[in-house]
Protein backbone atom coordinates (compact mmCIF):
# COMPACT_ATOMS: atom_id res chain seq x y z
CA MET A 1 0.68 24.18 31.99
CA LYS A 2 -2.06 21.77 30.60
CA ARG A 3 -5.77 22.52 31.55
CA LEU A 4 -7.49 19.71 33.30
CA ARG A 5 -11.12 19.74 34.16
CA TRP A 6 -13.32 16.82 35.31
CA GLY A 7 -16.85 16.22 35.38
CA MET A 8 -18.51 14.31 38.09
CA ILE A 9 -17.34 10.73 38.93
CA GLY A 10 -20.14 8.84 41.22
CA ALA A 11 -20.27 5.26 42.67
CA SER A 12 -22.19 3.81 45.55
CA THR A 13 -23.27 0.60 47.18
CA ILE A 14 -26.38 -1.31 48.21
CA GLY A 15 -25.20 -3.97 50.27
CA ARG A 16 -22.35 -5.49 48.48
CA GLU A 17 -23.29 -4.88 45.11
CA TRP A 18 -21.72 -1.63 43.64
CA MET A 19 -24.11 0.68 41.55
CA ALA A 20 -22.84 1.23 37.89
CA PRO A 21 -20.49 3.95 38.28
CA ALA A 22 -20.22 6.65 35.27
CA ILE A 23 -17.33 9.01 34.52
CA ASN A 24 -17.96 12.13 32.75
CA ALA A 25 -14.64 13.98 32.18
CA GLN A 26 -13.00 16.66 29.81
CA PHE A 27 -9.37 17.18 29.08
CA SER A 28 -7.49 19.91 26.91
CA PHE A 29 -4.55 17.35 26.54
CA LEU A 30 -4.07 13.67 26.83
CA ARG A 31 -1.61 10.96 25.83
CA VAL A 32 -3.11 8.22 23.85
CA GLU A 33 -0.90 5.69 25.33
CA ASP A 34 -2.14 6.55 28.67
CA VAL A 35 -5.63 6.04 27.80
CA VAL A 36 -4.65 2.73 26.18
CA ALA A 37 -3.15 1.75 29.61
CA VAL A 38 -6.09 2.54 31.65
CA SER A 39 -8.49 0.97 28.79
CA ALA A 40 -6.63 -2.34 28.82
CA ALA A 41 -6.90 -2.39 32.57
CA LEU A 42 -10.89 -2.25 32.80
CA PRO A 43 -12.61 -5.85 33.39
CA ARG A 44 -15.10 -5.35 30.63
CA VAL A 45 -12.71 -4.91 27.68
CA GLU A 46 -12.89 -7.85 25.62
CA GLY A 47 -10.17 -10.26 24.69
CA PRO A 48 -9.32 -9.48 21.19
CA TRP A 49 -9.32 -5.53 22.02
CA ARG A 50 -7.14 -5.81 25.04
CA GLU A 51 -4.70 -8.21 22.89
CA TYR A 52 -4.57 -5.43 20.25
CA LEU A 53 -4.07 -2.85 22.56
CA ALA A 54 -1.07 -4.58 23.95
CA GLN A 55 0.42 -5.50 20.47
CA ALA A 56 -0.10 -2.67 18.56
CA ARG A 57 0.59 -0.15 21.21
CA PRO A 58 -1.14 2.86 20.06
CA HIS A 59 0.36 6.23 20.73
CA GLY A 60 -0.15 9.97 20.06
CA ASP A 61 -1.65 13.08 21.40
CA ALA A 62 -5.28 13.92 22.02
CA HIS A 63 -6.72 17.61 22.48
CA ASP A 64 -9.77 18.74 23.88
CA VAL A 65 -11.28 15.40 25.03
CA VAL A 66 -14.59 14.53 25.83
CA ILE A 67 -15.27 11.13 27.77
CA HIS A 68 -18.41 9.52 29.17
CA VAL A 69 -17.92 6.07 30.41
CA SER A 70 -20.59 3.66 32.04
CA THR A 71 -19.73 0.29 33.29
CA GLU A 72 -23.39 -0.79 33.82
CA ALA A 73 -24.31 -4.31 32.76
CA PRO A 74 -23.78 -6.36 30.41
CA ARG A 75 -20.88 -4.56 28.82
CA LEU A 76 -18.73 -1.31 28.91
CA ARG A 77 -20.05 1.64 27.37
CA TYR A 78 -18.08 4.71 26.31
CA GLU A 79 -18.47 7.87 24.16
CA LEU A 80 -15.25 9.89 23.19
CA HIS A 81 -14.75 12.99 21.29
CA ALA A 82 -10.96 14.17 20.53
CA ASP A 83 -8.84 15.85 18.07
CA VAL A 84 -5.83 13.29 17.67
CA LEU A 85 -2.53 14.28 16.69
CA SER A 86 0.17 11.93 15.19
CA LEU A 87 -1.67 8.86 16.27
CA THR A 88 0.48 5.59 15.36
CA ALA A 89 0.29 1.89 15.87
CA LEU A 90 2.00 -1.16 15.04
CA PRO A 91 0.65 -3.82 12.66
CA TRP A 92 -1.15 -6.57 14.41
CA LYS A 93 -1.88 -9.81 12.80
CA THR A 94 -3.77 -8.93 9.53
CA LEU A 95 -4.58 -5.00 10.75
CA PRO A 96 -2.06 -2.66 9.08
CA GLY A 97 0.08 -0.62 11.26
CA PHE A 98 0.15 3.28 10.74
CA SER A 99 1.71 6.58 11.89
CA GLY A 100 1.25 10.40 11.57
CA VAL A 101 -2.34 10.38 11.39
CA THR A 102 -4.33 13.41 12.43
CA GLY A 103 -7.83 14.09 12.72
CA LEU A 104 -11.26 14.46 14.53
CA LEU A 105 -12.21 11.36 16.38
CA ILE A 106 -15.71 10.58 17.34
CA ALA A 107 -16.48 7.14 18.78
CA ASN A 108 -18.65 4.80 21.18
CA GLU A 109 -18.19 1.14 21.91
CA GLN A 110 -20.24 0.20 18.89
CA ALA A 111 -19.23 2.72 16.27
CA GLY A 112 -16.92 5.59 15.44
CA THR A 113 -15.41 8.19 12.38
CA LEU A 114 -12.24 9.64 12.02
CA ASP A 115 -12.05 12.38 9.84
CA VAL A 116 -8.66 12.66 8.51
CA ALA A 117 -6.78 15.34 7.65
CA THR A 118 -2.86 14.64 7.96
CA ALA A 119 0.33 15.15 6.08
CA GLY A 120 3.34 12.87 6.74
CA ALA A 121 1.22 9.59 7.41
CA THR A 122 2.68 6.16 6.62
CA LEU A 123 0.95 2.64 6.25
CA ASP A 124 2.63 -0.48 7.39
CA LEU A 125 1.46 -3.76 5.41
CA PRO A 126 4.14 -6.17 6.40
CA LYS A 127 1.97 -9.22 4.98
CA VAL A 128 1.92 -7.69 1.73
CA PHE A 129 4.82 -4.89 1.30
CA ARG A 130 8.32 -4.94 2.62
CA ASP A 131 8.54 -1.55 3.85
CA ALA A 132 5.99 1.04 5.29
CA LEU A 133 4.44 2.97 2.40
CA PRO A 134 4.61 6.86 2.75
CA LEU A 135 1.16 8.34 2.40
CA GLY A 136 1.88 11.94 2.30
CA THR A 137 -1.22 14.11 2.69
CA VAL A 138 -4.24 12.12 3.33
CA GLN A 139 -8.03 13.38 3.73
CA GLY A 140 -11.26 11.42 4.10
CA ARG A 141 -13.74 9.93 6.66
CA ILE A 142 -13.06 6.25 8.00
CA GLU A 143 -15.73 4.58 9.63
CA TRP A 144 -16.21 1.64 11.66
CA GLU A 145 -18.93 -0.48 13.27
CA HIS A 146 -18.75 -3.51 15.97
CA ASP A 147 -21.43 -6.21 16.42
CA ALA A 148 -20.69 -7.04 19.87
CA ALA A 149 -23.30 -10.21 19.74
CA ASN A 150 -21.00 -12.00 17.11
CA GLY A 151 -17.76 -10.00 17.07
CA ALA A 152 -18.16 -8.84 13.52
CA TRP A 153 -16.14 -5.48 12.47
CA ARG A 154 -16.56 -3.48 9.44
CA VAL A 155 -14.19 -0.42 8.57
CA ALA A 156 -14.57 1.59 5.63
CA SER A 157 -14.27 4.85 3.65
CA ASP A 158 -16.16 6.06 0.68
CA ASP A 159 -13.61 8.71 -0.47
CA LEU A 160 -10.18 8.51 0.70
CA SER A 161 -7.42 11.02 -1.01
CA VAL A 162 -3.95 10.42 -0.86
CA ARG A 163 -1.23 12.43 -2.28
CA SER A 164 2.22 10.80 -1.60
CA ILE A 165 5.79 11.76 -3.00
CA ASP A 166 4.88 8.94 -5.65
CA ALA A 167 1.45 9.35 -6.91
CA GLU A 168 -1.94 10.85 -6.17
CA VAL A 169 -4.59 8.19 -5.24
CA HIS A 170 -8.50 8.18 -4.79
CA ALA A 171 -9.82 5.04 -2.89
CA GLN A 172 -12.97 3.42 -1.74
CA VAL A 173 -12.20 0.57 0.79
CA GLU A 174 -14.01 -1.78 3.19
CA ILE A 175 -12.75 -4.09 5.44
CA SER A 176 -14.86 -6.59 7.08
CA ALA A 177 -14.52 -9.41 9.37
CA PRO A 178 -17.33 -11.87 10.51
CA ASP A 179 -15.59 -12.74 13.92
CA ALA A 180 -12.23 -12.49 15.51
CA GLN A 181 -10.97 -15.89 14.44
CA THR A 182 -11.68 -15.11 10.46
CA ALA A 183 -9.58 -13.31 8.62
CA PRO A 184 -10.83 -9.91 7.21
CA TYR A 185 -12.42 -9.39 3.70
CA LEU A 186 -10.83 -6.31 1.87
CA ASP A 187 -12.84 -4.49 -0.90
CA LEU A 188 -10.56 -2.07 -2.53
CA ILE A 189 -11.14 0.29 -5.64
CA ALA A 190 -8.52 2.81 -6.27
CA THR A 191 -7.32 5.07 -9.13
CA PHE A 192 -4.06 6.81 -9.13
CA LYS A 193 -2.36 8.99 -11.52
CA ASP A 194 1.16 11.19 -11.48
CA GLY A 195 3.41 7.99 -10.53
CA GLU A 196 7.11 7.77 -10.39
CA GLY A 197 7.91 4.56 -12.24
CA GLN A 198 11.30 4.40 -10.61
CA HIS A 199 9.46 3.90 -7.30
CA THR A 200 7.65 0.66 -8.63
CA SER A 201 9.09 -1.81 -6.56
CA ARG A 202 8.19 0.25 -3.15
CA TYR A 203 4.41 -0.63 -4.13
CA LEU A 204 4.95 -4.19 -5.26
CA PRO A 205 3.38 -6.95 -3.11
CA THR A 206 6.66 -8.78 -2.41
CA THR A 207 5.20 -11.30 -0.11
CA ILE A 208 3.81 -13.21 -2.68
CA MET A 209 6.99 -12.57 -5.26
CA SER A 210 9.86 -14.62 -5.26
CA PRO A 211 13.35 -13.28 -3.90
CA GLU A 212 14.63 -13.42 -7.44
CA VAL A 213 11.70 -11.59 -8.91
CA VAL A 214 11.94 -8.83 -6.32
CA ALA A 215 15.53 -8.33 -7.18
CA TRP A 216 14.90 -8.25 -10.70
CA VAL A 217 12.18 -5.48 -10.48
CA ASP A 218 14.35 -3.66 -8.21
CA ARG A 219 17.37 -3.75 -10.58
CA ALA A 220 15.52 -3.69 -14.13
CA VAL A 221 12.89 -0.57 -13.58
CA GLN A 222 15.05 2.55 -13.77
CA ALA A 223 12.50 5.08 -14.88
CA GLY A 224 9.04 6.13 -16.13
CA GLN A 225 5.93 7.90 -15.45
CA VAL A 226 2.86 6.37 -14.47
CA THR A 227 0.22 8.75 -15.89
CA GLN A 228 -2.73 6.68 -14.56
CA GLY A 229 -4.18 3.43 -13.48
CA GLY A 230 -6.35 1.36 -11.14
CA VAL A 231 -6.46 -1.22 -8.37
CA VAL A 232 -9.09 -3.70 -7.53
CA LEU A 233 -8.72 -5.85 -4.78
CA HIS A 234 -11.50 -8.24 -3.14
CA GLY A 235 -11.07 -11.26 -1.32
CA ARG A 236 -9.77 -12.74 2.10
CA ILE A 237 -6.71 -11.05 3.11
CA ASP A 238 -5.14 -14.45 4.15
CA GLN A 239 -5.88 -16.05 0.78
CA PHE A 240 -4.19 -12.90 -1.22
CA PRO A 241 -3.19 -12.99 -4.18
CA PHE A 242 -6.01 -15.65 -4.84
CA ARG A 243 -3.79 -17.85 -6.99
CA GLU A 244 -6.86 -20.33 -6.99
CA GLY A 245 -9.59 -18.10 -8.01
CA GLN A 246 -11.02 -17.20 -4.25
CA GLY A 247 -10.68 -13.29 -5.14
CA ARG A 248 -9.57 -10.61 -7.58
CA PHE A 249 -6.33 -8.78 -7.45
CA GLU A 250 -5.31 -6.70 -10.39
CA VAL A 251 -3.54 -3.47 -11.05
CA ARG A 252 -3.13 -1.60 -14.19
CA GLY A 253 -1.14 1.43 -15.06
CA ASN A 254 -0.22 3.05 -17.98
CA ILE A 255 3.63 4.17 -18.67
CA THR A 256 5.31 6.71 -20.44
CA ASP A 257 9.11 7.37 -20.95
CA GLY A 258 10.00 3.90 -19.24
CA VAL A 259 13.47 2.58 -18.87
CA LEU A 260 13.98 -1.26 -18.40
CA GLU A 261 17.32 -2.64 -17.84
CA TYR A 262 16.05 -6.39 -18.20
CA LEU A 263 19.43 -8.12 -18.01
CA PRO A 264 22.79 -6.96 -16.72
CA GLU A 265 24.93 -5.52 -19.63
CA TRP A 266 22.37 -5.83 -22.22
CA PRO A 267 21.39 -3.11 -24.02
CA ARG A 268 18.41 -1.49 -22.21
CA ILE A 269 14.82 -0.46 -23.57
CA ASP A 270 14.18 3.16 -23.59
CA ASN A 271 11.35 5.59 -24.19
CA ILE A 272 8.67 2.72 -23.37
CA GLU A 273 5.09 3.36 -23.71
CA ALA A 274 3.11 0.40 -22.09
CA GLU A 275 0.50 -0.83 -20.22
CA LEU A 276 1.85 -2.53 -16.95
CA VAL A 277 -0.62 -5.10 -15.56
CA PHE A 278 -0.55 -7.17 -12.31
CA SER A 279 -3.18 -9.76 -12.15
CA GLY A 280 -2.92 -12.29 -9.35
CA SER A 281 0.63 -13.62 -9.02
CA SER A 282 1.47 -12.54 -12.76
CA MET A 283 2.82 -9.87 -14.19
CA GLU A 284 2.68 -8.34 -17.83
CA VAL A 285 3.89 -5.35 -19.84
CA HIS A 286 1.94 -4.63 -22.90
CA GLY A 287 4.45 -2.37 -25.01
CA LYS A 288 2.74 0.19 -27.47
CA SER A 289 6.40 1.50 -28.57
CA ALA A 290 9.75 1.48 -27.22
CA GLN A 291 13.39 1.94 -28.29
CA ILE A 292 16.67 -0.38 -28.29
CA LEU A 293 19.80 1.23 -29.12
CA ASN A 294 18.54 3.27 -32.19
CA SER A 295 15.99 0.72 -33.32
CA GLU A 296 12.12 1.17 -32.78
CA LEU A 297 10.19 -1.72 -31.11
CA SER A 298 6.42 -2.31 -31.34
CA GLY A 299 4.47 -4.90 -30.09
CA VAL A 300 6.49 -5.52 -26.98
CA PHE A 301 5.27 -8.00 -24.52
CA VAL A 302 7.14 -8.66 -21.17
CA THR A 303 5.50 -11.30 -18.82
CA ILE A 304 6.22 -13.28 -15.58
CA PRO A 305 3.29 -15.81 -15.44
CA ASP A 306 3.97 -16.69 -11.79
CA MET A 307 6.04 -14.20 -9.59
CA ALA A 308 5.63 -16.58 -6.67
CA SER A 309 7.12 -19.55 -8.36
CA GLU A 310 10.53 -20.41 -7.38
CA TYR A 311 11.67 -20.91 -10.76
CA ALA A 312 9.80 -17.76 -12.22
CA ILE A 313 10.19 -17.40 -16.08
CA LEU A 314 10.73 -13.95 -17.60
CA THR A 315 9.69 -13.77 -21.36
CA ILE A 316 10.50 -10.64 -23.44
CA ALA A 317 9.20 -10.49 -27.15
CA GLY A 318 8.70 -7.83 -29.69
CA ASP A 319 9.20 -6.41 -33.34
CA VAL A 320 12.21 -4.46 -34.29
CA LYS A 321 12.73 -2.10 -37.11
CA GLY A 322 16.01 -0.44 -37.36
CA GLU A 323 19.35 -0.30 -39.47
CA THR A 324 21.51 -3.24 -39.98
CA ARG A 325 24.37 -1.54 -37.94
CA ASP A 326 22.04 -1.53 -34.72
CA GLN A 327 21.81 -5.21 -35.48
CA LEU A 328 25.32 -5.60 -35.41
CA ALA A 329 25.74 -3.18 -32.35
CA PHE A 330 23.08 -5.12 -30.30
CA LEU A 331 25.49 -8.34 -30.78
CA GLN A 332 28.66 -6.82 -29.79
CA LEU A 333 27.08 -5.48 -26.73
CA ALA A 334 24.91 -8.75 -25.71
CA PRO A 335 26.88 -10.68 -22.99
CA PRO A 336 26.42 -14.10 -24.44
CA LEU A 337 26.95 -13.07 -28.14
CA ARG A 338 29.75 -10.58 -27.98
CA GLU A 339 32.37 -13.36 -27.18
CA THR A 340 31.30 -15.14 -30.51
CA ILE A 341 29.28 -13.29 -32.86
CA GLY A 342 30.32 -9.96 -31.56
CA ARG A 343 34.13 -10.28 -32.44
CA GLU A 344 33.15 -11.19 -35.93
CA THR A 345 31.24 -7.78 -36.20
CA SER A 346 34.12 -5.85 -34.81
CA ALA A 347 36.58 -6.23 -38.00
CA PRO A 348 38.47 -3.12 -38.63
CA GLY A 349 36.28 -0.70 -40.17
CA ALA A 350 33.18 -1.85 -38.51
CA ALA A 351 30.94 1.17 -36.82
CA PRO A 352 31.02 1.22 -33.22
CA PRO A 353 27.81 1.40 -31.36
CA ARG A 354 25.73 4.70 -31.34
CA PRO A 355 24.02 5.59 -28.19
CA PRO A 356 20.30 5.79 -28.68
CA ARG A 357 19.02 9.03 -30.33
CA PRO A 358 16.67 11.18 -28.30
CA ARG A 359 12.84 10.62 -28.98
CA PRO A 360 11.23 13.39 -30.82
CA ALA A 361 8.84 15.54 -28.47
CA ALA A 362 5.31 14.95 -28.96
CA PRO A 363 2.97 17.93 -30.02
CA GLY A 364 2.08 19.95 -27.13
CA ASP A 365 5.18 18.91 -24.95
């Protein structure tokens, strides 16, 4: 049986005027959706808040809740202290959705903090990513403040740590909105390490990429380890990815043991050591070394100048060093060439293509 303890609730009238009532209450347990339903019905809950509560539908559990509410003019005032568990909300306009958030919540009508310590959380940004991102373990403090006079909002975290199934991330983030009508500004600086290259497409901003580019990345990036990297994003969210210079979006990551199947049936590129760069709507790969069949590649450069273009252009260039028999094998395996040049190199006695030899282990591996 859940324990429920109320403080004093008072209201009185003078003539036809109600004196400002106040509510002081303590609960051992509440459902967040029940609190939301009551809050949305209060007459002084502002329009944007009311719309958010209705559309995002926050839900979850709250324990050890302490609430003080005063409806004294000119606006609703409240203080809230609670341990929240599995807090979840749908995305709304430019605000992200999330699920599985657990932490200590302290808030009033002007500001608040959420000390997050959770596992199994997700983040849903449908205006950027096609699927919700699995965040895994999240720790840090999220702070916000609201200026009721002009409707401005600010949400920030100076040190947010995320350990997902794909990477470890440390981030500083601030979201600010000057009013309810203007899209928020986002300032994000993050570092990451120990990433899984085969899940690269999960973290691509697919909303700014043409379907053909998304399909190519899904198919082409087969494996790799992202040893370290960083993200910088600054600008108004509705102008992302800032193709006209209104802001900055840049992702850089160092890749080892990468595998790229750049075109179906062509010999793939193995053992890629490279830097991957997303800048605005462009993508570049600056390869230090790689391997195709048994030939060594250097100076590899892969680029898509505009991933959002209807006719996105993929360019791959680099220097090849290997035996003649490898060059003949490439001609035999490349689809456009094997029906013409390839048949000439397949005469009796021609050596068949060899599989790529494993890369020697580096000292200390």
